[in-house]
Amino acid sequence: MKKMLCPQCKIAAMYVKNAAGERLLVYVTDQGEVVPKDPSQSLEGFDVSEVFCLGCSWHGSPKRLVRY
């Protein structure tokens, strides 16, 4: 699995949020799939249509990430 990178700072670590504002660390695969960093955690209840970068202020659609 190749991880997509932030278009701004070029790191792979992202997070998603749920309605309560809680964050879950994720990666986006080269197939555009959002997967939890910890495979034992679930994405249930989290909005995977928008990801946030851990390294900078970028956020947006997982489809806008860069492949390297």
N, C-alpha and C. Protein backbone atom coordinates (compact mmCIF):
# COMPACT_ATOMS: atom_id res chain seq x y z
N MET A 1 0.85 -1.19 0.00
CA MET A 1 0.00 0.00 0.00
C MET A 1 0.89 1.24 0.00
N LYS A 2 0.74 2.05 -1.02
CA LYS A 2 1.43 3.34 -1.06
C LYS A 2 0.52 4.37 -0.42
N LYS A 3 1.10 5.28 0.32
CA LYS A 3 0.34 6.34 0.98
C LYS A 3 0.43 7.62 0.18
N MET A 4 -0.69 8.30 0.07
CA MET A 4 -0.74 9.59 -0.59
C MET A 4 -0.19 10.64 0.36
N LEU A 5 0.30 11.74 -0.20
CA LEU A 5 0.95 12.79 0.59
C LEU A 5 0.18 14.10 0.51
N CYS A 6 0.34 14.89 1.54
CA CYS A 6 -0.24 16.23 1.58
C CYS A 6 0.35 17.04 0.42
N PRO A 7 -0.48 17.75 -0.35
CA PRO A 7 0.05 18.55 -1.46
C PRO A 7 0.86 19.75 -1.01
N GLN A 8 0.72 20.13 0.25
CA GLN A 8 1.41 21.31 0.75
C GLN A 8 2.74 20.97 1.43
N CYS A 9 2.74 19.99 2.36
CA CYS A 9 3.96 19.72 3.13
C CYS A 9 4.56 18.34 2.86
N LYS A 10 3.89 17.52 2.04
CA LYS A 10 4.40 16.23 1.57
C LYS A 10 4.56 15.18 2.67
N ILE A 11 3.69 15.17 3.69
CA ILE A 11 3.70 14.08 4.66
C ILE A 11 2.44 13.25 4.48
N ALA A 12 2.47 12.01 4.96
CA ALA A 12 1.35 11.08 4.76
C ALA A 12 0.34 11.08 5.91
N ALA A 13 0.70 11.59 7.06
CA ALA A 13 -0.16 11.52 8.23
C ALA A 13 -1.33 12.51 8.12
N MET A 14 -2.54 11.98 8.18
CA MET A 14 -3.76 12.77 8.09
C MET A 14 -4.67 12.40 9.26
N TYR A 15 -5.75 13.15 9.40
CA TYR A 15 -6.79 12.77 10.35
C TYR A 15 -8.14 13.14 9.79
N VAL A 16 -9.17 12.48 10.31
CA VAL A 16 -10.57 12.78 9.97
C VAL A 16 -11.28 13.12 11.27
N LYS A 17 -12.42 13.79 11.16
CA LYS A 17 -13.19 14.19 12.33
C LYS A 17 -14.58 13.58 12.29
N ASN A 18 -15.18 13.43 13.49
CA ASN A 18 -16.59 13.02 13.56
C ASN A 18 -17.42 14.23 13.99
N ALA A 19 -18.71 14.02 14.18
CA ALA A 19 -19.62 15.13 14.52
C ALA A 19 -19.26 15.78 15.85
N ALA A 20 -18.66 15.03 16.76
CA ALA A 20 -18.29 15.57 18.07
C ALA A 20 -16.94 16.29 18.03
N GLY A 21 -16.28 16.29 16.86
CA GLY A 21 -14.99 16.96 16.74
C GLY A 21 -13.81 16.08 17.12
N GLU A 22 -14.07 14.81 17.42
CA GLU A 22 -12.97 13.90 17.76
C GLU A 22 -12.19 13.58 16.50
N ARG A 23 -10.89 13.35 16.67
CA ARG A 23 -10.02 13.08 15.53
C ARG A 23 -9.55 11.64 15.53
N LEU A 24 -9.35 11.10 14.32
CA LEU A 24 -8.82 9.75 14.15
C LEU A 24 -7.70 9.82 13.12
N LEU A 25 -6.53 9.31 13.49
CA LEU A 25 -5.40 9.32 12.57
C LEU A 25 -5.63 8.33 11.44
N VAL A 26 -5.34 8.78 10.21
CA VAL A 26 -5.58 7.96 9.03
C VAL A 26 -4.47 8.16 8.01
N TYR A 27 -4.44 7.26 7.04
CA TYR A 27 -3.66 7.41 5.82
C TYR A 27 -4.64 7.31 4.66
N VAL A 28 -4.25 7.84 3.51
CA VAL A 28 -5.03 7.68 2.29
C VAL A 28 -4.17 6.84 1.34
N THR A 29 -4.72 5.73 0.87
CA THR A 29 -3.97 4.84 -0.01
C THR A 29 -3.91 5.41 -1.42
N ASP A 30 -3.03 4.84 -2.24
CA ASP A 30 -2.93 5.29 -3.62
C ASP A 30 -4.19 4.97 -4.42
N GLN A 31 -5.07 4.17 -3.87
CA GLN A 31 -6.37 3.88 -4.47
C GLN A 31 -7.43 4.91 -4.04
N GLY A 32 -7.06 5.86 -3.17
CA GLY A 32 -7.98 6.88 -2.69
C GLY A 32 -8.80 6.45 -1.49
N GLU A 33 -8.46 5.30 -0.90
CA GLU A 33 -9.20 4.78 0.26
C GLU A 33 -8.62 5.34 1.56
N VAL A 34 -9.49 5.82 2.44
CA VAL A 34 -9.07 6.31 3.75
C VAL A 34 -9.04 5.12 4.70
N VAL A 35 -7.88 4.88 5.33
CA VAL A 35 -7.73 3.76 6.26
C VAL A 35 -7.17 4.27 7.59
N PRO A 36 -7.64 3.72 8.71
CA PRO A 36 -7.11 4.14 10.01
C PRO A 36 -5.65 3.75 10.16
N LYS A 37 -4.88 4.59 10.81
CA LYS A 37 -3.47 4.27 11.08
C LYS A 37 -3.38 3.00 11.93
N ASP A 38 -4.27 2.88 12.92
CA ASP A 38 -4.35 1.69 13.76
C ASP A 38 -5.45 0.80 13.18
N PRO A 39 -5.09 -0.33 12.58
CA PRO A 39 -6.08 -1.19 11.92
C PRO A 39 -7.20 -1.70 12.84
N SER A 40 -7.00 -1.65 14.15
CA SER A 40 -8.04 -2.12 15.07
C SER A 40 -9.15 -1.08 15.27
N GLN A 41 -8.95 0.15 14.79
CA GLN A 41 -9.96 1.20 14.95
C GLN A 41 -10.89 1.25 13.74
N SER A 42 -12.07 1.77 13.95
CA SER A 42 -13.10 1.84 12.91
C SER A 42 -13.30 3.28 12.45
N LEU A 43 -13.67 3.42 11.19
CA LEU A 43 -13.98 4.74 10.64
C LEU A 43 -15.45 5.11 10.83
N GLU A 44 -16.21 4.23 11.47
CA GLU A 44 -17.64 4.46 11.66
C GLU A 44 -17.89 5.78 12.40
N GLY A 45 -18.73 6.61 11.81
CA GLY A 45 -19.08 7.88 12.41
C GLY A 45 -18.15 9.02 12.02
N PHE A 46 -17.08 8.73 11.30
CA PHE A 46 -16.14 9.77 10.88
C PHE A 46 -16.40 10.16 9.43
N ASP A 47 -16.24 11.44 9.14
CA ASP A 47 -16.45 11.97 7.80
C ASP A 47 -15.16 11.76 6.98
N VAL A 48 -15.18 10.81 6.07
CA VAL A 48 -13.99 10.50 5.27
C VAL A 48 -13.97 11.29 3.95
N SER A 49 -14.92 12.20 3.76
CA SER A 49 -14.92 13.02 2.55
C SER A 49 -13.95 14.20 2.67
N GLU A 50 -13.49 14.48 3.89
CA GLU A 50 -12.52 15.55 4.11
C GLU A 50 -11.45 15.06 5.07
N VAL A 51 -10.18 15.21 4.66
CA VAL A 51 -9.06 14.83 5.52
C VAL A 51 -8.27 16.09 5.87
N PHE A 52 -7.61 16.03 7.01
CA PHE A 52 -6.82 17.15 7.52
C PHE A 52 -5.38 16.68 7.71
N CYS A 53 -4.42 17.51 7.32
CA CYS A 53 -3.01 17.17 7.45
C CYS A 53 -2.54 17.41 8.89
N LEU A 54 -1.71 16.51 9.40
CA LEU A 54 -1.16 16.69 10.74
C LEU A 54 0.01 17.67 10.75
N GLY A 55 0.62 17.90 9.60
CA GLY A 55 1.84 18.71 9.55
C GLY A 55 1.65 20.17 9.20
N CYS A 56 0.50 20.52 8.62
CA CYS A 56 0.29 21.91 8.22
C CYS A 56 -1.20 22.21 8.30
N SER A 57 -1.62 23.28 7.71
CA SER A 57 -3.02 23.69 7.81
C SER A 57 -3.89 23.18 6.65
N TRP A 58 -3.35 22.34 5.77
CA TRP A 58 -4.10 21.89 4.60
C TRP A 58 -5.24 20.97 5.01
N HIS A 59 -6.36 21.08 4.33
CA HIS A 59 -7.46 20.12 4.46
C HIS A 59 -8.25 20.12 3.16
N GLY A 60 -8.84 18.99 2.86
CA GLY A 60 -9.62 18.89 1.63
C GLY A 60 -9.98 17.45 1.33
N SER A 61 -10.41 17.25 0.12
CA SER A 61 -10.82 15.93 -0.34
C SER A 61 -9.62 15.00 -0.43
N PRO A 62 -9.78 13.72 -0.04
CA PRO A 62 -8.68 12.77 -0.20
C PRO A 62 -8.23 12.65 -1.65
N LYS A 63 -9.09 13.00 -2.60
CA LYS A 63 -8.75 12.91 -4.02
C LYS A 63 -7.74 13.98 -4.44
N ARG A 64 -7.54 15.00 -3.63
CA ARG A 64 -6.61 16.09 -3.95
C ARG A 64 -5.20 15.83 -3.45
N LEU A 65 -4.98 14.71 -2.79
CA LEU A 65 -3.65 14.40 -2.28
C LEU A 65 -2.72 14.02 -3.43
N VAL A 66 -1.43 14.08 -3.20
CA VAL A 66 -0.45 13.84 -4.25
C VAL A 66 0.15 12.45 -4.13
N ARG A 67 0.39 11.83 -5.26
CA ARG A 67 1.00 10.51 -5.30
C ARG A 67 2.50 10.66 -5.53
N TYR A 68 3.31 10.02 -4.69
CA TYR A 68 4.77 10.04 -4.85
C TYR A 68 5.32 8.66 -4.74
